[in-house]
Structure formats: C-alpha cells, structure tokens
Amino acid sequence: MERTMTMTEKELSRLHVLRAIHERRLTQAAAARELGLSTRHLRRLVRSYEGERISTTCEVSRASSIS
C-alpha cells in the first residue's frame, strides 16, 4: 500500500534546511536563525532527522497519524 504525505510550506522549508545541515552546506546556528528556532530545538530536529524520521518536520498532531 502506497502512503502519501502532505506537507505545509513551513514543513517543506524545515526539511530543506535539515537536508542542507546533513549535507554540511549549512551550519546549525545559521539554520536556527533561518527557521526562527533556538539552536537547542534545531539540534533536537537534526537528531530526529538523522534517525530517518521524516515526520520530524511535520506538526505533532499530524505526525502521529503518519506513523
């Protein structure tokens, strides 16, 4: 069964930034400023993203329905 996930513009932006961090094209500090997040929160997102959890970028209420 194929699953489709819809993401908001904010979530897509967050995903692109997390990919840039993972590819070492952007620092965590610069990414935090770009997304308007604290560096601590961004580190949590990076850790989740590196654990291959795409739902990291989705809002909590929607992420639980994706899993």
N, C-alpha and C. Protein backbone atom coordinates (compact mmCIF):
# COMPACT_ATOMS: atom_id res chain seq x y z
N MET A 1 0.84 -1.18 0.00
CA MET A 1 0.00 0.00 0.00
C MET A 1 0.89 1.25 0.00
N GLU A 2 0.66 2.14 -0.92
CA GLU A 2 1.42 3.36 -1.04
C GLU A 2 0.85 4.43 -0.11
N ARG A 3 1.75 5.15 0.59
CA ARG A 3 1.31 6.20 1.51
C ARG A 3 1.70 7.55 0.95
N THR A 4 0.83 8.50 1.06
CA THR A 4 1.08 9.86 0.62
C THR A 4 1.04 10.78 1.83
N MET A 5 1.99 11.72 1.85
CA MET A 5 2.05 12.65 2.96
C MET A 5 2.02 14.07 2.39
N THR A 6 1.17 14.90 2.95
CA THR A 6 1.08 16.29 2.54
C THR A 6 1.81 17.14 3.57
N MET A 7 2.62 18.07 3.06
CA MET A 7 3.38 18.93 3.96
C MET A 7 3.06 20.39 3.66
N THR A 8 3.09 21.21 4.70
CA THR A 8 2.88 22.65 4.53
C THR A 8 4.17 23.28 4.03
N GLU A 9 4.10 24.53 3.60
CA GLU A 9 5.29 25.26 3.16
C GLU A 9 6.33 25.34 4.28
N LYS A 10 5.86 25.56 5.50
CA LYS A 10 6.76 25.64 6.65
C LYS A 10 7.50 24.32 6.85
N GLU A 11 6.79 23.22 6.73
CA GLU A 11 7.39 21.90 6.90
C GLU A 11 8.38 21.59 5.78
N LEU A 12 8.05 21.98 4.55
CA LEU A 12 8.97 21.77 3.43
C LEU A 12 10.24 22.58 3.61
N SER A 13 10.09 23.81 4.07
CA SER A 13 11.25 24.66 4.33
C SER A 13 12.15 24.02 5.39
N ARG A 14 11.53 23.53 6.44
CA ARG A 14 12.28 22.87 7.52
C ARG A 14 13.03 21.65 6.99
N LEU A 15 12.38 20.88 6.14
CA LEU A 15 13.01 19.69 5.56
C LEU A 15 14.21 20.06 4.70
N HIS A 16 14.08 21.11 3.88
CA HIS A 16 15.19 21.55 3.05
C HIS A 16 16.38 22.00 3.90
N VAL A 17 16.10 22.70 4.97
CA VAL A 17 17.17 23.17 5.86
C VAL A 17 17.83 21.98 6.55
N LEU A 18 17.05 21.02 7.01
CA LEU A 18 17.64 19.83 7.66
C LEU A 18 18.51 19.05 6.68
N ARG A 19 18.10 18.97 5.43
CA ARG A 19 18.93 18.30 4.43
C ARG A 19 20.23 19.05 4.22
N ALA A 20 20.16 20.39 4.18
CA ALA A 20 21.36 21.20 3.99
C ALA A 20 22.34 21.00 5.15
N ILE A 21 21.82 20.89 6.36
CA ILE A 21 22.68 20.63 7.52
C ILE A 21 23.31 19.26 7.38
N HIS A 22 22.52 18.27 7.03
CA HIS A 22 23.01 16.90 6.89
C HIS A 22 24.11 16.81 5.82
N GLU A 23 23.97 17.60 4.75
CA GLU A 23 24.95 17.61 3.67
C GLU A 23 26.09 18.58 3.95
N ARG A 24 26.10 19.19 5.13
CA ARG A 24 27.13 20.13 5.58
C ARG A 24 27.24 21.38 4.69
N ARG A 25 26.10 21.81 4.15
CA ARG A 25 26.06 23.03 3.37
C ARG A 25 25.61 24.22 4.21
N LEU A 26 25.17 23.94 5.44
CA LEU A 26 24.63 24.97 6.33
C LEU A 26 24.96 24.59 7.76
N THR A 27 25.35 25.59 8.56
CA THR A 27 25.63 25.31 9.97
C THR A 27 24.33 25.29 10.75
N GLN A 28 24.37 24.66 11.91
CA GLN A 28 23.17 24.60 12.75
C GLN A 28 22.79 25.99 13.23
N ALA A 29 23.76 26.82 13.55
CA ALA A 29 23.45 28.18 14.01
C ALA A 29 22.75 28.99 12.93
N ALA A 30 23.26 28.90 11.69
CA ALA A 30 22.65 29.63 10.58
C ALA A 30 21.25 29.08 10.28
N ALA A 31 21.11 27.78 10.38
CA ALA A 31 19.80 27.16 10.13
C ALA A 31 18.79 27.58 11.18
N ALA A 32 19.22 27.64 12.43
CA ALA A 32 18.32 28.05 13.52
C ALA A 32 17.83 29.48 13.27
N ARG A 33 18.73 30.35 12.87
CA ARG A 33 18.34 31.74 12.56
C ARG A 33 17.36 31.78 11.39
N GLU A 34 17.63 31.00 10.36
CA GLU A 34 16.77 30.99 9.17
C GLU A 34 15.36 30.51 9.49
N LEU A 35 15.26 29.50 10.36
CA LEU A 35 13.95 28.95 10.71
C LEU A 35 13.29 29.65 11.90
N GLY A 36 14.03 30.53 12.55
CA GLY A 36 13.47 31.23 13.71
C GLY A 36 13.34 30.33 14.92
N LEU A 37 14.28 29.39 15.08
CA LEU A 37 14.26 28.44 16.20
C LEU A 37 15.50 28.65 17.07
N SER A 38 15.44 28.14 18.28
CA SER A 38 16.64 28.15 19.11
C SER A 38 17.58 27.08 18.59
N THR A 39 18.87 27.23 18.86
CA THR A 39 19.82 26.22 18.41
C THR A 39 19.56 24.89 19.11
N ARG A 40 19.09 24.94 20.35
CA ARG A 40 18.78 23.71 21.08
C ARG A 40 17.65 22.93 20.40
N HIS A 41 16.59 23.64 20.02
CA HIS A 41 15.48 22.97 19.35
C HIS A 41 15.92 22.42 18.00
N LEU A 42 16.74 23.18 17.28
CA LEU A 42 17.22 22.72 16.00
C LEU A 42 18.06 21.45 16.15
N ARG A 43 18.88 21.37 17.20
CA ARG A 43 19.67 20.15 17.43
C ARG A 43 18.76 18.95 17.65
N ARG A 44 17.64 19.15 18.34
CA ARG A 44 16.67 18.05 18.52
C ARG A 44 16.11 17.59 17.17
N LEU A 45 15.78 18.55 16.32
CA LEU A 45 15.26 18.21 15.00
C LEU A 45 16.30 17.47 14.16
N VAL A 46 17.54 17.93 14.22
CA VAL A 46 18.62 17.27 13.46
C VAL A 46 18.80 15.84 13.94
N ARG A 47 18.79 15.65 15.24
CA ARG A 47 18.96 14.30 15.80
C ARG A 47 17.82 13.38 15.33
N SER A 48 16.62 13.87 15.32
CA SER A 48 15.48 13.08 14.85
C SER A 48 15.57 12.83 13.35
N TYR A 49 15.96 13.86 12.60
CA TYR A 49 16.09 13.73 11.15
C TYR A 49 17.14 12.68 10.80
N GLU A 50 18.26 12.70 11.51
CA GLU A 50 19.32 11.73 11.24
C GLU A 50 18.90 10.31 11.61
N GLY A 51 17.89 10.19 12.47
CA GLY A 51 17.32 8.89 12.79
C GLY A 51 16.30 8.46 11.74
N GLU A 52 16.26 9.21 10.62
CA GLU A 52 15.39 8.90 9.48
C GLU A 52 13.91 8.97 9.81
N ARG A 53 13.53 9.97 10.58
CA ARG A 53 12.12 10.17 10.91
C ARG A 53 11.61 11.37 10.13
N ILE A 54 11.07 11.14 8.96
CA ILE A 54 10.57 12.23 8.12
C ILE A 54 9.49 13.02 8.85
N SER A 55 8.75 12.36 9.75
CA SER A 55 7.68 13.05 10.47
C SER A 55 8.22 14.12 11.41
N THR A 56 9.55 14.18 11.58
CA THR A 56 10.18 15.22 12.39
C THR A 56 9.75 16.61 11.93
N THR A 57 9.59 16.77 10.63
CA THR A 57 9.27 18.08 10.09
C THR A 57 7.79 18.41 10.14
N CYS A 58 6.95 17.45 10.45
CA CYS A 58 5.50 17.65 10.48
C CYS A 58 5.04 18.06 11.87
N GLU A 59 3.93 18.72 11.91
CA GLU A 59 3.34 19.10 13.18
C GLU A 59 2.99 17.84 13.98
N VAL A 60 3.08 17.91 15.29
CA VAL A 60 2.87 16.75 16.16
C VAL A 60 1.52 16.10 15.92
N SER A 61 0.47 16.88 15.79
CA SER A 61 -0.86 16.30 15.64
C SER A 61 -0.98 15.51 14.34
N ARG A 62 -0.29 15.93 13.31
CA ARG A 62 -0.34 15.21 12.04
C ARG A 62 0.67 14.08 12.01
N ALA A 63 1.82 14.25 12.67
CA ALA A 63 2.86 13.23 12.64
C ALA A 63 2.38 11.92 13.25
N SER A 64 1.56 11.98 14.27
CA SER A 64 1.08 10.75 14.91
C SER A 64 0.18 9.97 13.95
N SER A 65 -0.49 10.63 13.05
CA SER A 65 -1.35 9.91 12.10
C SER A 65 -0.55 9.35 10.93
N ILE A 66 0.68 9.84 10.73
CA ILE A 66 1.52 9.36 9.64
C ILE A 66 2.18 8.05 10.01
N SER A 67 2.64 7.95 11.23
CA SER A 67 3.43 6.78 11.67
C SER A 67 2.68 5.49 11.58
